[in-house]
């Protein structure tokens, strides 16, 4: 049940994140090289928050193990 709720939340339109932070990721200031899109990062952090996971490594492990988050 909890995984279904999380899946639904992850399909919410997160494009507004790009609009808010795109200037920070512009190619003329060298920040595109961080390798992660703002929307992906937002979803990543949402999964951690909803599971009560504070460790970035543990969030990554959770995402790798559970196909529902991809």
C-alpha atoms as a PDB file:
ATOM      1  CA  UNK A   1       0.000   0.000   0.000  1.00  0.00           C
ATOM      2  CA  UNK A   2       2.768   2.454   0.912  1.00  0.00           C
ATOM      3  CA  UNK A   3       4.685   1.651  -2.300  1.00  0.00           C
ATOM      4  CA  UNK A   4       1.585   2.413  -4.381  1.00  0.00           C
ATOM      5  CA  UNK A   5       1.243   5.791  -2.706  1.00  0.00           C
ATOM      6  CA  UNK A   6       4.897   6.575  -3.334  1.00  0.00           C
ATOM      7  CA  UNK A   7       4.611   5.505  -6.984  1.00  0.00           C
ATOM      8  CA  UNK A   8       1.683   7.866  -7.469  1.00  0.00           C
ATOM      9  CA  UNK A   9       3.556  10.738  -5.870  1.00  0.00           C
ATOM     10  CA  UNK A  10       6.567  10.132  -8.113  1.00  0.00           C
ATOM     11  CA  UNK A  11       4.371  10.524 -11.210  1.00  0.00           C
ATOM     12  CA  UNK A  12       3.289  13.993 -10.131  1.00  0.00           C
ATOM     13  CA  UNK A  13       4.514  16.744 -12.415  1.00  0.00           C
ATOM     14  CA  UNK A  14       7.904  17.757 -11.050  1.00  0.00           C
ATOM     15  CA  UNK A  15       8.865  20.013 -13.983  1.00  0.00           C
ATOM     16  CA  UNK A  16       8.264  23.068 -11.801  1.00  0.00           C
ATOM     17  CA  UNK A  17      11.513  22.180 -10.023  1.00  0.00           C
ATOM     18  CA  UNK A  18      13.449  22.779 -13.243  1.00  0.00           C
ATOM     19  CA  UNK A  19      11.787  26.147 -13.694  1.00  0.00           C
ATOM     20  CA  UNK A  20      12.778  27.176 -10.174  1.00  0.00           C
ATOM     21  CA  UNK A  21      16.420  26.080 -10.251  1.00  0.00           C
ATOM     22  CA  UNK A  22      17.368  26.106 -13.936  1.00  0.00           C
ATOM     23  CA  UNK A  23      19.537  29.227 -13.553  1.00  0.00           C
ATOM     24  CA  UNK A  24      21.683  27.326 -11.056  1.00  0.00           C
ATOM     25  CA  UNK A  25      22.293  24.579 -13.633  1.00  0.00           C
ATOM     26  CA  UNK A  26      23.051  26.751 -16.647  1.00  0.00           C
ATOM     27  CA  UNK A  27      25.917  25.701 -18.877  1.00  0.00           C
ATOM     28  CA  UNK A  28      27.716  29.052 -18.710  1.00  0.00           C
ATOM     29  CA  UNK A  29      28.528  28.702 -15.000  1.00  0.00           C
ATOM     30  CA  UNK A  30      29.772  25.120 -15.130  1.00  0.00           C
ATOM     31  CA  UNK A  31      27.140  23.482 -12.975  1.00  0.00           C
ATOM     32  CA  UNK A  32      25.758  20.992 -15.490  1.00  0.00           C
ATOM     33  CA  UNK A  33      28.615  18.663 -14.646  1.00  0.00           C
ATOM     34  CA  UNK A  34      27.052  17.576 -11.343  1.00  0.00           C
ATOM     35  CA  UNK A  35      25.385  14.796 -13.318  1.00  0.00           C
ATOM     36  CA  UNK A  36      21.891  14.769 -11.840  1.00  0.00           C
ATOM     37  CA  UNK A  37      18.800  16.500 -13.106  1.00  0.00           C
ATOM     38  CA  UNK A  38      16.916  18.591 -10.522  1.00  0.00           C
ATOM     39  CA  UNK A  39      13.731  16.530 -10.993  1.00  0.00           C
ATOM     40  CA  UNK A  40      15.594  13.281 -10.336  1.00  0.00           C
ATOM     41  CA  UNK A  41      17.158  14.768  -7.229  1.00  0.00           C
ATOM     42  CA  UNK A  42      13.756  15.937  -5.990  1.00  0.00           C
ATOM     43  CA  UNK A  43      12.260  12.473  -6.435  1.00  0.00           C
ATOM     44  CA  UNK A  44      15.305  10.900  -4.791  1.00  0.00           C
ATOM     45  CA  UNK A  45      14.891  13.099  -1.730  1.00  0.00           C
ATOM     46  CA  UNK A  46      11.124  12.498  -1.646  1.00  0.00           C
ATOM     47  CA  UNK A  47      11.663   8.720  -1.484  1.00  0.00           C
ATOM     48  CA  UNK A  48      14.082   9.215   1.405  1.00  0.00           C
ATOM     49  CA  UNK A  49      11.713  11.517   3.254  1.00  0.00           C
ATOM     50  CA  UNK A  50       8.714   9.210   2.866  1.00  0.00           C
ATOM     51  CA  UNK A  51      10.708   6.252   4.148  1.00  0.00           C
ATOM     52  CA  UNK A  52      12.324   8.193   6.983  1.00  0.00           C
ATOM     53  CA  UNK A  53      15.783   7.625   5.518  1.00  0.00           C
ATOM     54  CA  UNK A  54      18.335  10.333   6.278  1.00  0.00           C
ATOM     55  CA  UNK A  55      21.408   8.742   4.707  1.00  0.00           C
ATOM     56  CA  UNK A  56      21.974   9.444   1.006  1.00  0.00           C
ATOM     57  CA  UNK A  57      23.647   6.059   0.635  1.00  0.00           C
ATOM     58  CA  UNK A  58      20.665   4.313   2.182  1.00  0.00           C
ATOM     59  CA  UNK A  59      18.269   6.197  -0.126  1.00  0.00           C
ATOM     60  CA  UNK A  60      20.330   5.085  -3.112  1.00  0.00           C
ATOM     61  CA  UNK A  61      20.261   1.485  -1.904  1.00  0.00           C
ATOM     62  CA  UNK A  62      16.484   1.649  -1.464  1.00  0.00           C
ATOM     63  CA  UNK A  63      16.053   2.983  -5.003  1.00  0.00           C
ATOM     64  CA  UNK A  64      18.358   0.329  -6.480  1.00  0.00           C
ATOM     65  CA  UNK A  65      16.536  -2.504  -4.694  1.00  0.00           C
ATOM     66  CA  UNK A  66      12.952  -1.362  -5.270  1.00  0.00           C
ATOM     67  CA  UNK A  67      12.049  -1.209  -8.967  1.00  0.00           C
ATOM     68  CA  UNK A  68       8.878   0.767  -8.183  1.00  0.00           C
ATOM     69  CA  UNK A  69      10.923   3.955  -7.739  1.00  0.00           C
ATOM     70  CA  UNK A  70      12.627   3.881 -11.138  1.00  0.00           C
END
